[in-house]
Amino acid sequence: MNIETAIELFRQAVTNALMLVSPILITTIVVGLVISLIQSVTSIQEQTLSFAPKLFAVGGLLIIGSSWLMKTLMNFTIEVYQTIPSVGF
């Protein structure tokens, strides 16, 4: 395996990881900000109140986007397996 192939695979892995995780992180941040805004407006200072909406939002997002997540992971895995014969061990 030459260094260019290894760098390219690593770059693709990082890009895929960021692409797969970013919708979950953005959803969590947005829901957290909305709940915090509601808590500050209503003067409710319950720390556990923001956990359930985040959990439901991320769970719903995973249910809706699970096919896209799995398809992206499978495509990357197939691509990595297809490069194994060209490595030349």
N, C-alpha and C. Protein backbone atom coordinates (compact mmCIF):
# COMPACT_ATOMS: atom_id res chain seq x y z
N MET A 1 0.86 -1.17 0.00
CA MET A 1 0.00 0.00 0.00
C MET A 1 0.90 1.23 0.00
N ASN A 2 0.70 2.06 -0.97
CA ASN A 2 1.48 3.28 -0.98
C ASN A 2 0.80 4.33 -0.09
N ILE A 3 1.54 5.37 0.20
CA ILE A 3 1.07 6.37 1.15
C ILE A 3 -0.13 7.15 0.61
N GLU A 4 -0.19 7.33 -0.71
CA GLU A 4 -1.30 8.08 -1.29
C GLU A 4 -2.63 7.35 -1.10
N THR A 5 -2.60 6.03 -1.25
CA THR A 5 -3.82 5.24 -1.06
C THR A 5 -4.28 5.30 0.39
N ALA A 6 -3.33 5.19 1.31
CA ALA A 6 -3.68 5.25 2.73
C ALA A 6 -4.25 6.61 3.10
N ILE A 7 -3.65 7.66 2.59
CA ILE A 7 -4.14 9.01 2.88
C ILE A 7 -5.53 9.22 2.30
N GLU A 8 -5.74 8.73 1.09
CA GLU A 8 -7.05 8.88 0.45
C GLU A 8 -8.13 8.11 1.22
N LEU A 9 -7.83 6.89 1.67
CA LEU A 9 -8.80 6.12 2.45
C LEU A 9 -9.10 6.80 3.78
N PHE A 10 -8.06 7.33 4.41
CA PHE A 10 -8.26 8.04 5.68
C PHE A 10 -9.10 9.30 5.47
N ARG A 11 -8.83 10.03 4.38
CA ARG A 11 -9.60 11.24 4.09
C ARG A 11 -11.07 10.90 3.85
N GLN A 12 -11.32 9.82 3.11
CA GLN A 12 -12.69 9.40 2.85
C GLN A 12 -13.39 8.95 4.14
N ALA A 13 -12.64 8.28 5.01
CA ALA A 13 -13.23 7.83 6.28
C ALA A 13 -13.62 9.01 7.15
N VAL A 14 -12.75 10.01 7.23
CA VAL A 14 -13.06 11.19 8.04
C VAL A 14 -14.22 11.97 7.43
N THR A 15 -14.22 12.11 6.11
CA THR A 15 -15.32 12.81 5.43
C THR A 15 -16.64 12.11 5.66
N ASN A 16 -16.65 10.79 5.53
CA ASN A 16 -17.89 10.03 5.77
C ASN A 16 -18.33 10.14 7.22
N ALA A 17 -17.39 10.08 8.15
CA ALA A 17 -17.75 10.19 9.56
C ALA A 17 -18.38 11.55 9.86
N LEU A 18 -17.79 12.61 9.34
CA LEU A 18 -18.36 13.94 9.55
C LEU A 18 -19.72 14.08 8.89
N MET A 19 -19.86 13.51 7.71
CA MET A 19 -21.12 13.60 6.98
C MET A 19 -22.23 12.82 7.71
N LEU A 20 -21.89 11.71 8.33
CA LEU A 20 -22.89 10.90 9.02
C LEU A 20 -23.26 11.46 10.39
N VAL A 21 -22.31 12.09 11.05
CA VAL A 21 -22.55 12.56 12.41
C VAL A 21 -23.16 13.97 12.44
N SER A 22 -22.89 14.77 11.42
CA SER A 22 -23.32 16.17 11.45
C SER A 22 -24.83 16.36 11.57
N PRO A 23 -25.69 15.59 10.90
CA PRO A 23 -27.13 15.81 11.12
C PRO A 23 -27.56 15.54 12.56
N ILE A 24 -26.96 14.56 13.18
CA ILE A 24 -27.30 14.24 14.57
C ILE A 24 -26.84 15.36 15.50
N LEU A 25 -25.62 15.85 15.29
CA LEU A 25 -25.11 16.92 16.14
C LEU A 25 -25.90 18.21 15.95
N ILE A 26 -26.21 18.54 14.70
CA ILE A 26 -26.96 19.77 14.43
C ILE A 26 -28.35 19.69 15.05
N THR A 27 -29.00 18.53 14.94
CA THR A 27 -30.32 18.36 15.54
C THR A 27 -30.26 18.51 17.05
N THR A 28 -29.25 17.92 17.67
CA THR A 28 -29.10 18.01 19.12
C THR A 28 -28.86 19.45 19.55
N ILE A 29 -28.03 20.16 18.81
CA ILE A 29 -27.73 21.56 19.16
C ILE A 29 -28.97 22.43 19.01
N VAL A 30 -29.71 22.26 17.92
CA VAL A 30 -30.90 23.08 17.69
C VAL A 30 -31.97 22.80 18.75
N VAL A 31 -32.22 21.54 19.03
CA VAL A 31 -33.22 21.20 20.06
C VAL A 31 -32.77 21.72 21.42
N GLY A 32 -31.50 21.58 21.73
CA GLY A 32 -30.99 22.09 23.00
C GLY A 32 -31.13 23.60 23.13
N LEU A 33 -30.85 24.32 22.04
CA LEU A 33 -31.00 25.78 22.07
C LEU A 33 -32.46 26.19 22.23
N VAL A 34 -33.35 25.51 21.52
CA VAL A 34 -34.78 25.84 21.63
C VAL A 34 -35.28 25.57 23.05
N ILE A 35 -34.93 24.44 23.61
CA ILE A 35 -35.36 24.11 24.98
C ILE A 35 -34.76 25.09 25.98
N SER A 36 -33.50 25.47 25.79
CA SER A 36 -32.87 26.44 26.69
C SER A 36 -33.55 27.79 26.59
N LEU A 37 -33.93 28.19 25.38
CA LEU A 37 -34.64 29.45 25.20
C LEU A 37 -36.00 29.41 25.90
N ILE A 38 -36.71 28.30 25.74
CA ILE A 38 -38.00 28.15 26.41
C ILE A 38 -37.83 28.15 27.93
N GLN A 39 -36.79 27.50 28.42
CA GLN A 39 -36.54 27.47 29.86
C GLN A 39 -36.21 28.86 30.39
N SER A 40 -35.44 29.63 29.63
CA SER A 40 -35.09 30.96 30.12
C SER A 40 -36.28 31.92 30.06
N VAL A 41 -37.15 31.76 29.07
CA VAL A 41 -38.33 32.62 28.98
C VAL A 41 -39.32 32.30 30.08
N THR A 42 -39.50 31.03 30.38
CA THR A 42 -40.48 30.62 31.39
C THR A 42 -39.88 30.50 32.79
N SER A 43 -38.60 30.75 32.93
CA SER A 43 -37.88 30.68 34.21
C SER A 43 -37.94 29.29 34.84
N ILE A 44 -38.01 28.27 34.01
CA ILE A 44 -37.93 26.89 34.49
C ILE A 44 -36.47 26.48 34.42
N GLN A 45 -35.91 26.09 35.55
CA GLN A 45 -34.49 25.74 35.59
C GLN A 45 -34.28 24.26 35.90
N GLU A 46 -35.06 23.43 35.29
CA GLU A 46 -34.92 21.98 35.46
C GLU A 46 -33.90 21.45 34.46
N GLN A 47 -32.83 20.84 34.94
CA GLN A 47 -31.75 20.38 34.08
C GLN A 47 -32.13 19.17 33.25
N THR A 48 -33.01 18.34 33.76
CA THR A 48 -33.38 17.12 33.04
C THR A 48 -34.43 17.36 31.96
N LEU A 49 -34.99 18.55 31.89
CA LEU A 49 -36.05 18.84 30.93
C LEU A 49 -35.55 18.79 29.49
N SER A 50 -34.30 19.13 29.26
CA SER A 50 -33.79 19.17 27.88
C SER A 50 -33.37 17.80 27.36
N PHE A 51 -33.28 16.82 28.24
CA PHE A 51 -32.79 15.51 27.80
C PHE A 51 -33.81 14.75 26.96
N ALA A 52 -35.05 14.71 27.38
CA ALA A 52 -36.07 13.93 26.66
C ALA A 52 -36.33 14.45 25.24
N PRO A 53 -36.48 15.76 25.03
CA PRO A 53 -36.67 16.22 23.64
C PRO A 53 -35.48 15.91 22.74
N LYS A 54 -34.27 16.03 23.28
CA LYS A 54 -33.08 15.68 22.49
C LYS A 54 -33.09 14.20 22.13
N LEU A 55 -33.46 13.38 23.10
CA LEU A 55 -33.50 11.94 22.86
C LEU A 55 -34.53 11.58 21.79
N PHE A 56 -35.71 12.17 21.87
CA PHE A 56 -36.75 11.90 20.88
C PHE A 56 -36.37 12.44 19.50
N ALA A 57 -35.75 13.62 19.46
CA ALA A 57 -35.35 14.20 18.17
C ALA A 57 -34.28 13.35 17.50
N VAL A 58 -33.29 12.93 18.25
CA VAL A 58 -32.22 12.11 17.68
C VAL A 58 -32.76 10.73 17.31
N GLY A 59 -33.62 10.17 18.14
CA GLY A 59 -34.23 8.88 17.81
C GLY A 59 -35.05 8.94 16.54
N GLY A 60 -35.85 9.99 16.41
CA GLY A 60 -36.63 10.16 15.18
C GLY A 60 -35.76 10.37 13.97
N LEU A 61 -34.70 11.14 14.13
CA LEU A 61 -33.77 11.36 13.03
C LEU A 61 -33.10 10.06 12.61
N LEU A 62 -32.73 9.24 13.58
CA LEU A 62 -32.10 7.96 13.25
C LEU A 62 -33.08 7.01 12.56
N ILE A 63 -34.33 7.05 12.98
CA ILE A 63 -35.33 6.20 12.32
C ILE A 63 -35.55 6.66 10.88
N ILE A 64 -35.68 7.96 10.69
CA ILE A 64 -35.92 8.50 9.35
C ILE A 64 -34.70 8.33 8.45
N GLY A 65 -33.51 8.60 8.99
CA GLY A 65 -32.31 8.59 8.16
C GLY A 65 -31.48 7.33 8.21
N SER A 66 -32.01 6.27 8.80
CA SER A 66 -31.21 5.06 8.95
C SER A 66 -30.85 4.42 7.61
N SER A 67 -31.74 4.49 6.64
CA SER A 67 -31.41 3.89 5.34
C SER A 67 -30.27 4.65 4.67
N TRP A 68 -30.29 5.98 4.76
CA TRP A 68 -29.20 6.77 4.19
C TRP A 68 -27.88 6.51 4.92
N LEU A 69 -27.95 6.42 6.24
CA LEU A 69 -26.75 6.14 7.02
C LEU A 69 -26.14 4.80 6.65
N MET A 70 -26.98 3.78 6.57
CA MET A 70 -26.48 2.44 6.26
C MET A 70 -25.97 2.36 4.82
N LYS A 71 -26.66 3.02 3.90
CA LYS A 71 -26.24 3.00 2.50
C LYS A 71 -24.86 3.67 2.35
N THR A 72 -24.66 4.78 3.05
CA THR A 72 -23.37 5.47 2.98
C THR A 72 -22.26 4.61 3.57
N LEU A 73 -22.53 3.98 4.71
CA LEU A 73 -21.53 3.12 5.34
C LEU A 73 -21.22 1.90 4.48
N MET A 74 -22.26 1.31 3.88
CA MET A 74 -22.03 0.14 3.02
C MET A 74 -21.24 0.51 1.78
N ASN A 75 -21.54 1.65 1.17
CA ASN A 75 -20.79 2.07 -0.02
C ASN A 75 -19.31 2.29 0.31
N PHE A 76 -19.04 2.91 1.45
CA PHE A 76 -17.64 3.12 1.84
C PHE A 76 -16.95 1.79 2.14
N THR A 77 -17.64 0.90 2.83
CA THR A 77 -17.05 -0.40 3.15
C THR A 77 -16.77 -1.21 1.90
N ILE A 78 -17.69 -1.20 0.95
CA ILE A 78 -17.47 -1.91 -0.32
C ILE A 78 -16.28 -1.31 -1.06
N GLU A 79 -16.18 0.01 -1.05
CA GLU A 79 -15.05 0.67 -1.71
C GLU A 79 -13.72 0.29 -1.07
N VAL A 80 -13.70 0.21 0.26
CA VAL A 80 -12.47 -0.19 0.95
C VAL A 80 -12.12 -1.64 0.63
N TYR A 81 -13.12 -2.52 0.63
CA TYR A 81 -12.86 -3.92 0.29
C TYR A 81 -12.40 -4.09 -1.15
N GLN A 82 -12.88 -3.25 -2.04
CA GLN A 82 -12.45 -3.34 -3.43
C GLN A 82 -11.03 -2.85 -3.64
N THR A 83 -10.52 -2.03 -2.75
CA THR A 83 -9.13 -1.57 -2.87
C THR A 83 -8.14 -2.55 -2.27
N ILE A 84 -8.61 -3.53 -1.51
CA ILE A 84 -7.70 -4.50 -0.88
C ILE A 84 -6.88 -5.28 -1.90
N PRO A 85 -7.46 -5.77 -3.00
CA PRO A 85 -6.62 -6.51 -3.97
C PRO A 85 -5.53 -5.66 -4.61
N SER A 86 -5.76 -4.37 -4.72
CA SER A 86 -4.75 -3.52 -5.35
C SER A 86 -3.62 -3.15 -4.39
N VAL A 87 -3.76 -3.51 -3.13
CA VAL A 87 -2.72 -3.20 -2.15
C VAL A 87 -1.48 -4.04 -2.42
N GLY A 88 -1.66 -5.30 -2.70
CA GLY A 88 -0.54 -6.18 -3.05
C GLY A 88 0.29 -6.64 -1.87
N PHE A 89 -0.32 -7.32 -0.93
CA PHE A 89 0.43 -7.86 0.21
C PHE A 89 1.29 -9.01 -0.23
